[in-house]
Amino acid sequence: METIRHEEYMRRMAEGPRPDMVNKPPHYQSAEVECIDAIRAATGDGFQFHLQGTVLKYLWRYRYKGKPLEDLKKARWYLDRLIEEHDPEPR
């Protein structure tokens, strides 16, 4: 994955299509490993607690940060990941 300076990143953001800030936010994909996968590897059995806490965080703040729909979709994304952790049928 390419590493770029903030100024270049902002220029590209202004020129290109709007990124998917819920499913693939670019700031979580700046390395060879996606951030959520690194968190899963680092937390082991605690990964489900991380997901649960993140769902709560986005539900807690959705009315106050200025992008309520985006925060609700992020909460849903993390809830879906938590459900996948408990789903005996892999997708």
N, C-alpha and C. Protein backbone atom coordinates (compact mmCIF):
# COMPACT_ATOMS: atom_id res chain seq x y z
N MET A 1 0.85 -1.17 0.00
CA MET A 1 0.00 0.00 0.00
C MET A 1 0.89 1.24 0.00
N GLU A 2 0.51 2.21 -0.73
CA GLU A 2 1.26 3.45 -0.89
C GLU A 2 1.12 4.34 0.35
N THR A 3 2.21 4.95 0.79
CA THR A 3 2.18 5.91 1.88
C THR A 3 2.28 7.31 1.28
N ILE A 4 1.35 8.19 1.69
CA ILE A 4 1.35 9.56 1.16
C ILE A 4 1.25 10.55 2.30
N ARG A 5 1.66 11.77 2.03
CA ARG A 5 1.56 12.84 3.01
C ARG A 5 0.12 13.32 3.11
N HIS A 6 -0.20 13.97 4.21
CA HIS A 6 -1.55 14.46 4.45
C HIS A 6 -2.03 15.39 3.34
N GLU A 7 -1.16 16.26 2.87
CA GLU A 7 -1.55 17.22 1.83
C GLU A 7 -1.96 16.49 0.55
N GLU A 8 -1.19 15.46 0.19
CA GLU A 8 -1.51 14.68 -0.99
C GLU A 8 -2.82 13.91 -0.79
N TYR A 9 -2.98 13.37 0.39
CA TYR A 9 -4.22 12.65 0.70
C TYR A 9 -5.42 13.58 0.55
N MET A 10 -5.34 14.78 1.08
CA MET A 10 -6.45 15.73 1.01
C MET A 10 -6.71 16.14 -0.44
N ARG A 11 -5.67 16.30 -1.25
CA ARG A 11 -5.85 16.65 -2.66
C ARG A 11 -6.58 15.54 -3.39
N ARG A 12 -6.15 14.30 -3.14
CA ARG A 12 -6.80 13.16 -3.78
C ARG A 12 -8.25 13.02 -3.34
N MET A 13 -8.49 13.29 -2.09
CA MET A 13 -9.86 13.20 -1.58
C MET A 13 -10.75 14.22 -2.28
N ALA A 14 -10.22 15.41 -2.52
CA ALA A 14 -11.00 16.46 -3.17
C ALA A 14 -11.27 16.12 -4.64
N GLU A 15 -10.36 15.41 -5.26
CA GLU A 15 -10.49 15.09 -6.69
C GLU A 15 -11.30 13.82 -6.96
N GLY A 16 -11.17 12.84 -6.11
CA GLY A 16 -11.75 11.54 -6.40
C GLY A 16 -13.14 11.35 -5.84
N PRO A 17 -13.69 10.14 -6.04
CA PRO A 17 -15.01 9.84 -5.50
C PRO A 17 -14.96 9.81 -3.98
N ARG A 18 -16.07 10.07 -3.38
CA ARG A 18 -16.14 10.10 -1.92
C ARG A 18 -15.94 8.69 -1.36
N PRO A 19 -15.07 8.54 -0.39
CA PRO A 19 -14.82 7.20 0.15
C PRO A 19 -15.99 6.71 0.99
N ASP A 20 -16.08 5.41 1.15
CA ASP A 20 -17.09 4.79 2.00
C ASP A 20 -16.59 4.86 3.44
N MET A 21 -17.08 5.84 4.18
CA MET A 21 -16.59 6.08 5.53
C MET A 21 -17.14 5.09 6.55
N VAL A 22 -18.07 4.24 6.15
CA VAL A 22 -18.63 3.24 7.05
C VAL A 22 -17.92 1.89 6.86
N ASN A 23 -17.88 1.40 5.64
CA ASN A 23 -17.35 0.05 5.39
C ASN A 23 -15.86 0.00 5.09
N LYS A 24 -15.32 1.03 4.50
CA LYS A 24 -13.90 1.04 4.13
C LYS A 24 -13.29 2.43 4.29
N PRO A 25 -13.29 2.97 5.52
CA PRO A 25 -12.70 4.30 5.69
C PRO A 25 -11.20 4.26 5.37
N PRO A 26 -10.73 5.17 4.55
CA PRO A 26 -9.34 5.11 4.11
C PRO A 26 -8.33 5.24 5.25
N HIS A 27 -8.68 5.93 6.31
CA HIS A 27 -7.72 6.09 7.41
C HIS A 27 -7.52 4.80 8.20
N TYR A 28 -8.32 3.77 7.98
CA TYR A 28 -8.11 2.47 8.61
C TYR A 28 -7.47 1.47 7.67
N GLN A 29 -7.08 1.92 6.48
CA GLN A 29 -6.54 1.02 5.49
C GLN A 29 -5.23 1.54 4.91
N SER A 30 -4.45 2.20 5.72
CA SER A 30 -3.22 2.81 5.22
C SER A 30 -2.02 1.87 5.31
N ALA A 31 -2.22 0.68 5.81
CA ALA A 31 -1.12 -0.28 5.92
C ALA A 31 -1.51 -1.55 5.18
N GLU A 32 -0.65 -2.52 5.19
CA GLU A 32 -0.94 -3.78 4.50
C GLU A 32 -2.04 -4.57 5.19
N VAL A 33 -2.25 -4.32 6.47
CA VAL A 33 -3.27 -5.01 7.24
C VAL A 33 -4.34 -3.99 7.61
N GLU A 34 -5.60 -4.36 7.40
CA GLU A 34 -6.68 -3.46 7.79
C GLU A 34 -6.75 -3.38 9.31
N CYS A 35 -7.07 -2.23 9.83
CA CYS A 35 -7.05 -1.96 11.27
C CYS A 35 -7.88 -2.98 12.06
N ILE A 36 -9.09 -3.30 11.60
CA ILE A 36 -9.96 -4.22 12.35
C ILE A 36 -9.32 -5.61 12.46
N ASP A 37 -8.58 -6.02 11.45
CA ASP A 37 -7.90 -7.32 11.50
C ASP A 37 -6.74 -7.29 12.49
N ALA A 38 -6.05 -6.18 12.57
CA ALA A 38 -4.96 -6.04 13.54
C ALA A 38 -5.52 -6.04 14.97
N ILE A 39 -6.64 -5.37 15.17
CA ILE A 39 -7.27 -5.35 16.49
C ILE A 39 -7.71 -6.76 16.88
N ARG A 40 -8.27 -7.49 15.94
CA ARG A 40 -8.70 -8.87 16.21
C ARG A 40 -7.51 -9.72 16.63
N ALA A 41 -6.41 -9.58 15.91
CA ALA A 41 -5.21 -10.36 16.24
C ALA A 41 -4.64 -9.97 17.60
N ALA A 42 -4.68 -8.68 17.91
CA ALA A 42 -4.09 -8.20 19.16
C ALA A 42 -4.94 -8.50 20.38
N THR A 43 -6.26 -8.54 20.22
CA THR A 43 -7.14 -8.70 21.37
C THR A 43 -7.55 -10.15 21.63
N GLY A 44 -7.39 -11.01 20.63
CA GLY A 44 -7.73 -12.43 20.83
C GLY A 44 -9.15 -12.61 21.33
N ASP A 45 -9.29 -13.24 22.50
CA ASP A 45 -10.62 -13.49 23.06
C ASP A 45 -11.36 -12.21 23.42
N GLY A 46 -10.66 -11.12 23.55
CA GLY A 46 -11.29 -9.85 23.88
C GLY A 46 -11.88 -9.11 22.69
N PHE A 47 -11.74 -9.68 21.50
CA PHE A 47 -12.23 -9.00 20.29
C PHE A 47 -13.72 -8.72 20.36
N GLN A 48 -14.49 -9.67 20.87
CA GLN A 48 -15.93 -9.45 20.96
C GLN A 48 -16.25 -8.28 21.89
N PHE A 49 -15.49 -8.12 22.95
CA PHE A 49 -15.70 -6.98 23.85
C PHE A 49 -15.37 -5.67 23.16
N HIS A 50 -14.34 -5.69 22.33
CA HIS A 50 -14.00 -4.50 21.55
C HIS A 50 -15.17 -4.13 20.63
N LEU A 51 -15.71 -5.11 19.93
CA LEU A 51 -16.83 -4.85 19.03
C LEU A 51 -18.03 -4.31 19.79
N GLN A 52 -18.34 -4.91 20.92
CA GLN A 52 -19.47 -4.46 21.73
C GLN A 52 -19.27 -3.02 22.20
N GLY A 53 -18.08 -2.71 22.66
CA GLY A 53 -17.79 -1.35 23.11
C GLY A 53 -17.87 -0.34 21.98
N THR A 54 -17.45 -0.74 20.80
CA THR A 54 -17.49 0.17 19.66
C THR A 54 -18.93 0.42 19.22
N VAL A 55 -19.77 -0.61 19.26
CA VAL A 55 -21.20 -0.41 18.97
C VAL A 55 -21.77 0.62 19.95
N LEU A 56 -21.48 0.44 21.23
CA LEU A 56 -21.99 1.37 22.24
C LEU A 56 -21.48 2.79 22.00
N LYS A 57 -20.21 2.91 21.62
CA LYS A 57 -19.64 4.24 21.36
C LYS A 57 -20.41 4.96 20.27
N TYR A 58 -20.64 4.30 19.15
CA TYR A 58 -21.32 4.96 18.04
C TYR A 58 -22.79 5.25 18.36
N LEU A 59 -23.44 4.37 19.11
CA LEU A 59 -24.82 4.66 19.53
C LEU A 59 -24.86 5.82 20.50
N TRP A 60 -23.87 5.91 21.35
CA TRP A 60 -23.82 6.98 22.36
C TRP A 60 -23.66 8.34 21.70
N ARG A 61 -22.85 8.44 20.67
CA ARG A 61 -22.48 9.75 20.12
C ARG A 61 -23.25 10.17 18.88
N TYR A 62 -24.09 9.30 18.32
CA TYR A 62 -24.66 9.59 17.00
C TYR A 62 -25.44 10.90 16.94
N ARG A 63 -26.01 11.36 18.04
CA ARG A 63 -26.77 12.60 18.03
C ARG A 63 -25.92 13.85 18.21
N TYR A 64 -24.65 13.67 18.54
CA TYR A 64 -23.85 14.82 18.96
C TYR A 64 -22.70 15.19 18.04
N LYS A 65 -22.32 14.35 17.11
CA LYS A 65 -21.12 14.60 16.31
C LYS A 65 -21.40 15.23 14.95
N GLY A 66 -22.67 15.39 14.58
CA GLY A 66 -22.99 16.06 13.34
C GLY A 66 -23.22 15.15 12.15
N LYS A 67 -22.99 13.85 12.30
CA LYS A 67 -23.23 12.90 11.22
C LYS A 67 -23.98 11.69 11.80
N PRO A 68 -25.22 11.90 12.21
CA PRO A 68 -25.93 10.82 12.91
C PRO A 68 -26.11 9.56 12.06
N LEU A 69 -26.47 9.71 10.80
CA LEU A 69 -26.68 8.52 9.97
C LEU A 69 -25.39 7.74 9.79
N GLU A 70 -24.28 8.44 9.58
CA GLU A 70 -23.00 7.75 9.43
C GLU A 70 -22.64 6.99 10.70
N ASP A 71 -22.83 7.60 11.86
CA ASP A 71 -22.51 6.91 13.11
C ASP A 71 -23.43 5.72 13.35
N LEU A 72 -24.71 5.83 13.00
CA LEU A 72 -25.61 4.68 13.15
C LEU A 72 -25.21 3.55 12.22
N LYS A 73 -24.78 3.87 11.01
CA LYS A 73 -24.31 2.83 10.09
C LYS A 73 -23.03 2.18 10.59
N LYS A 74 -22.17 2.97 11.22
CA LYS A 74 -20.94 2.39 11.80
C LYS A 74 -21.29 1.46 12.95
N ALA A 75 -22.25 1.86 13.78
CA ALA A 75 -22.69 0.98 14.88
C ALA A 75 -23.22 -0.33 14.31
N ARG A 76 -24.00 -0.24 13.23
CA ARG A 76 -24.54 -1.44 12.59
C ARG A 76 -23.41 -2.31 12.04
N TRP A 77 -22.37 -1.68 11.45
CA TRP A 77 -21.25 -2.43 10.89
C TRP A 77 -20.57 -3.25 11.98
N TYR A 78 -20.31 -2.61 13.14
CA TYR A 78 -19.67 -3.33 14.24
C TYR A 78 -20.60 -4.38 14.84
N LEU A 79 -21.90 -4.10 14.90
CA LEU A 79 -22.84 -5.09 15.38
C LEU A 79 -22.88 -6.29 14.45
N ASP A 80 -22.86 -6.05 13.15
CA ASP A 80 -22.80 -7.15 12.19
C ASP A 80 -21.55 -8.01 12.39
N ARG A 81 -20.42 -7.38 12.66
CA ARG A 81 -19.18 -8.14 12.94
C ARG A 81 -19.33 -8.97 14.20
N LEU A 82 -19.97 -8.40 15.22
CA LEU A 82 -20.19 -9.13 16.47
C LEU A 82 -21.11 -10.33 16.23
N ILE A 83 -22.14 -10.14 15.43
CA ILE A 83 -23.04 -11.24 15.09
C ILE A 83 -22.27 -12.33 14.35
N GLU A 84 -21.40 -11.94 13.42
CA GLU A 84 -20.59 -12.92 12.69
C GLU A 84 -19.71 -13.74 13.64
N GLU A 85 -19.24 -13.12 14.71
CA GLU A 85 -18.42 -13.84 15.69
C GLU A 85 -19.20 -14.97 16.37
N HIS A 86 -20.52 -14.82 16.45
CA HIS A 86 -21.37 -15.81 17.11
C HIS A 86 -22.10 -16.72 16.13
N ASP A 87 -21.97 -16.46 14.86
CA ASP A 87 -22.69 -17.22 13.85
C ASP A 87 -21.93 -18.52 13.55
N PRO A 88 -22.57 -19.67 13.82
CA PRO A 88 -21.86 -20.93 13.55
C PRO A 88 -21.71 -21.25 12.07
N GLU A 89 -22.46 -20.56 11.22
CA GLU A 89 -22.38 -20.79 9.79
C GLU A 89 -21.48 -19.72 9.15
N PRO A 90 -20.24 -20.06 8.79
CA PRO A 90 -19.37 -19.06 8.15
C PRO A 90 -19.92 -18.66 6.79
N ARG A 91 -19.70 -17.43 6.44
CA ARG A 91 -20.20 -16.90 5.16
C ARG A 91 -19.18 -17.01 4.09
